C-alpha atoms as a PDB file:
ATOM      1  CA  MET A   1      61.774 116.341 232.653  1.00  0.00           C
ATOM      2  CA  SER A   2      65.541 115.787 232.789  1.00  0.00           C
ATOM      3  CA  THR A   3      66.194 119.368 231.607  1.00  0.00           C
ATOM      4  CA  PHE A   4      64.000 121.016 234.233  1.00  0.00           C
ATOM      5  CA  ASP A   5      65.944 123.075 236.798  1.00  0.00           C
ATOM      6  CA  PHE A   6      64.398 122.476 240.207  1.00  0.00           C
ATOM      7  CA  THR A   7      66.797 125.068 241.721  1.00  0.00           C
ATOM      8  CA  ALA A   8      65.536 127.952 239.538  1.00  0.00           C
ATOM      9  CA  ALA A   9      63.300 130.662 240.976  1.00  0.00           C
ATOM     10  CA  ALA A  10      59.588 130.054 240.459  1.00  0.00           C
ATOM     11  CA  GLU A  11      56.293 131.879 240.610  1.00  0.00           C
ATOM     12  CA  LEU A  12      52.986 130.248 241.435  1.00  0.00           C
ATOM     13  CA  PHE A  13      49.866 131.927 240.090  1.00  0.00           C
ATOM     14  CA  PRO A  14      46.600 130.790 241.687  1.00  0.00           C
ATOM     15  CA  ALA A  15      43.435 129.925 239.847  1.00  0.00           C
ATOM     16  CA  ARG A  16      41.100 132.851 239.338  1.00  0.00           C
ATOM     17  CA  SER A  17      38.189 130.896 240.761  1.00  0.00           C
ATOM     18  CA  TRP A  18      36.173 131.871 243.788  1.00  0.00           C
ATOM     19  CA  LYS A  19      37.423 128.679 245.465  1.00  0.00           C
ATOM     20  CA  ALA A  20      41.019 129.915 245.440  1.00  0.00           C
ATOM     21  CA  ARG A  21      39.986 133.341 246.720  1.00  0.00           C
ATOM     22  CA  SER A  22      37.827 131.822 249.447  1.00  0.00           C
ATOM     23  CA  HIS A  23      40.839 129.812 250.659  1.00  0.00           C
ATOM     24  CA  GLY A  24      43.010 132.950 250.696  1.00  0.00           C
ATOM     25  CA  ILE A  25      45.294 131.560 247.994  1.00  0.00           C
ATOM     26  CA  SER A  26      47.400 134.237 246.337  1.00  0.00           C
ATOM     27  CA  TYR A  27      50.448 134.677 244.110  1.00  0.00           C
ATOM     28  CA  LYS A  28      53.656 133.275 245.637  1.00  0.00           C
ATOM     29  CA  ARG A  29      57.286 133.561 244.644  1.00  0.00           C
ATOM     30  CA  PHE A  30      59.754 130.792 245.543  1.00  0.00           C
ATOM     31  CA  SER A  31      63.554 130.791 245.487  1.00  0.00           C
ATOM     32  CA  ASP A  32      63.506 127.273 244.050  1.00  0.00           C
ATOM     33  CA  ALA A  33      61.028 125.474 241.827  1.00  0.00           C
ATOM     34  CA  ALA A  34      61.139 122.262 243.870  1.00  0.00           C
ATOM     35  CA  GLU A  35      59.607 124.055 246.849  1.00  0.00           C
ATOM     36  CA  ALA A  36      56.962 125.668 244.636  1.00  0.00           C
ATOM     37  CA  VAL A  37      56.006 122.259 243.230  1.00  0.00           C
ATOM     38  CA  ARG A  38      55.870 120.806 246.749  1.00  0.00           C
ATOM     39  CA  TYR A  39      53.664 123.650 247.944  1.00  0.00           C
ATOM     40  CA  ALA A  40      51.284 123.312 244.996  1.00  0.00           C
ATOM     41  CA  ILE A  41      50.809 119.561 245.397  1.00  0.00           C
ATOM     42  CA  GLU A  42      51.030 119.127 249.156  1.00  0.00           C
ATOM     43  CA  ASP A  43      49.631 122.383 250.571  1.00  0.00           C
ATOM     44  CA  LEU A  44      47.056 123.706 248.125  1.00  0.00           C
ATOM     45  CA  PRO A  45      43.568 122.274 248.438  1.00  0.00           C
ATOM     46  CA  PRO A  46      43.042 119.961 245.439  1.00  0.00           C
ATOM     47  CA  GLU A  47      40.113 122.019 244.160  1.00  0.00           C
ATOM     48  CA  CYS A  48      42.396 125.080 244.004  1.00  0.00           C
ATOM     49  CA  LEU A  49      45.146 123.369 242.005  1.00  0.00           C
ATOM     50  CA  LEU A  50      43.015 123.251 238.862  1.00  0.00           C
ATOM     51  CA  GLY A  51      43.633 126.541 237.077  1.00  0.00           C
ATOM     52  CA  THR A  52      46.815 127.262 239.036  1.00  0.00           C
ATOM     53  CA  TYR A  53      50.023 127.496 237.059  1.00  0.00           C
ATOM     54  CA  LEU A  54      53.731 127.567 237.801  1.00  0.00           C
ATOM     55  CA  GLU A  55      56.185 129.699 235.864  1.00  0.00           C
ATOM     56  CA  VAL A  56      59.877 128.753 235.862  1.00  0.00           C
ATOM     57  CA  GLU A  57      62.405 130.378 233.541  1.00  0.00           C
ATOM     58  CA  GLU A  58      59.608 131.748 231.326  1.00  0.00           C
ATOM     59  CA  GLU A  59      58.038 128.294 230.945  1.00  0.00           C
ATOM     60  CA  ARG A  60      54.538 127.669 232.293  1.00  0.00           C
ATOM     61  CA  PHE A  61      53.177 124.479 233.815  1.00  0.00           C
ATOM     62  CA  ASP A  62      49.473 123.894 234.406  1.00  0.00           C
ATOM     63  CA  SER A  63      48.139 121.660 237.187  1.00  0.00           C
ATOM     64  CA  GLY A  64      48.952 118.516 235.164  1.00  0.00           C
ATOM     65  CA  GLY A  65      52.467 119.762 234.473  1.00  0.00           C
ATOM     66  CA  ILE A  66      53.000 120.563 238.146  1.00  0.00           C
ATOM     67  CA  ARG A  67      51.861 117.023 239.032  1.00  0.00           C
ATOM     68  CA  ARG A  68      54.278 115.524 236.478  1.00  0.00           C
ATOM     69  CA  LEU A  69      57.148 117.554 237.952  1.00  0.00           C
ATOM     70  CA  TYR A  70      56.263 116.297 241.438  1.00  0.00           C
ATOM     71  CA  ASP A  71      56.044 112.693 240.255  1.00  0.00           C
ATOM     72  CA  CYS A  72      59.213 112.668 238.117  1.00  0.00           C
ATOM     73  CA  ALA A  73      62.304 110.764 239.276  1.00  0.00           C
ATOM     74  CA  GLU A  74      64.422 113.944 239.304  1.00  0.00           C
ATOM     75  CA  TYR A  75      62.219 115.688 241.899  1.00  0.00           C
ATOM     76  CA  PRO A  76      64.748 116.464 244.670  1.00  0.00           C
ATOM     77  CA  LEU A  77      62.544 116.742 247.773  1.00  0.00           C
ATOM     78  CA  THR A  78      61.030 113.996 249.867  1.00  0.00           C
ATOM     79  CA  ARG A  79      57.424 113.460 248.867  1.00  0.00           C
ATOM     80  CA  ALA A  80      54.745 113.436 251.527  1.00  0.00           C
ATOM     81  CA  THR A  81      52.930 110.235 252.308  1.00  0.00           C
ATOM     82  CA  PRO A  82      49.154 110.481 252.791  1.00  0.00           C
ATOM     83  CA  ASP A  83      49.651 110.651 256.575  1.00  0.00           C
ATOM     84  CA  ASP A  84      52.387 113.325 256.410  1.00  0.00           C
ATOM     85  CA  ASP A  85      50.070 116.234 255.675  1.00  0.00           C
ATOM     86  CA  GLY A  86      49.055 116.488 259.318  1.00  0.00           C
ATOM     87  CA  GLU A  87      45.373 116.729 258.524  1.00  0.00           C
ATOM     88  CA  ALA A  88      42.927 114.272 259.956  1.00  0.00           C
ATOM     89  CA  LYS A  89      40.982 112.494 257.272  1.00  0.00           C
ATOM     90  CA  GLY A  90      37.234 112.799 257.772  1.00  0.00           C
ATOM     91  CA  ASP A  91      36.796 115.634 260.269  1.00  0.00           C
ATOM     92  CA  GLY A  92      33.170 114.707 260.735  1.00  0.00           C
ATOM     93  CA  GLU A  93      31.707 117.424 258.491  1.00  0.00           C
ATOM     94  CA  ALA A  94      32.136 115.562 255.221  1.00  0.00           C
ATOM     95  CA  ASP A  95      31.201 112.291 256.865  1.00  0.00           C
ATOM     96  CA  ALA A  96      27.982 113.791 258.207  1.00  0.00           C
ATOM     97  CA  LYS A  97      26.533 114.284 254.725  1.00  0.00           C
ATOM     98  CA  PRO A  98      24.246 111.358 253.906  1.00  0.00           C
ATOM     99  CA  LYS A  99      24.915 109.349 250.796  1.00  0.00           C
ATOM    100  CA  ARG A 100      22.357 109.379 248.048  1.00  0.00           C
ATOM    101  CA  GLY A 101      19.399 107.179 248.876  1.00  0.00           C
ATOM    102  CA  THR A 102      20.123 107.046 252.598  1.00  0.00           C
ATOM    103  CA  LYS A 103      18.504 108.876 255.476  1.00  0.00           C
ATOM    104  CA  ARG A 104      20.105 110.594 258.420  1.00  0.00           C
ATOM    105  CA  THR A 105      19.153 109.201 261.778  1.00  0.00           C
END
């Protein structure tokens, strides 16, 4: 990853799945690849990242490649901690679904 230019312009192409469309995810252009990588990992719903790809200087990165760019030591931006995303974990909807073999009361 040491030859990757995080300051190069980047394009993010969403997955063609219905999940991406239902979340309103569309093509985005970024002035720098670091911000595109940050957006893909921190802002996209995880189910929409699969099938999404990043293009930087005519090189393409799938979801695994985007993750490796985010995790590499040369990544220039501050990474979010699990609490930094501003979303409450367990909004009640997901928690309301009973686990297999249990009954709702």
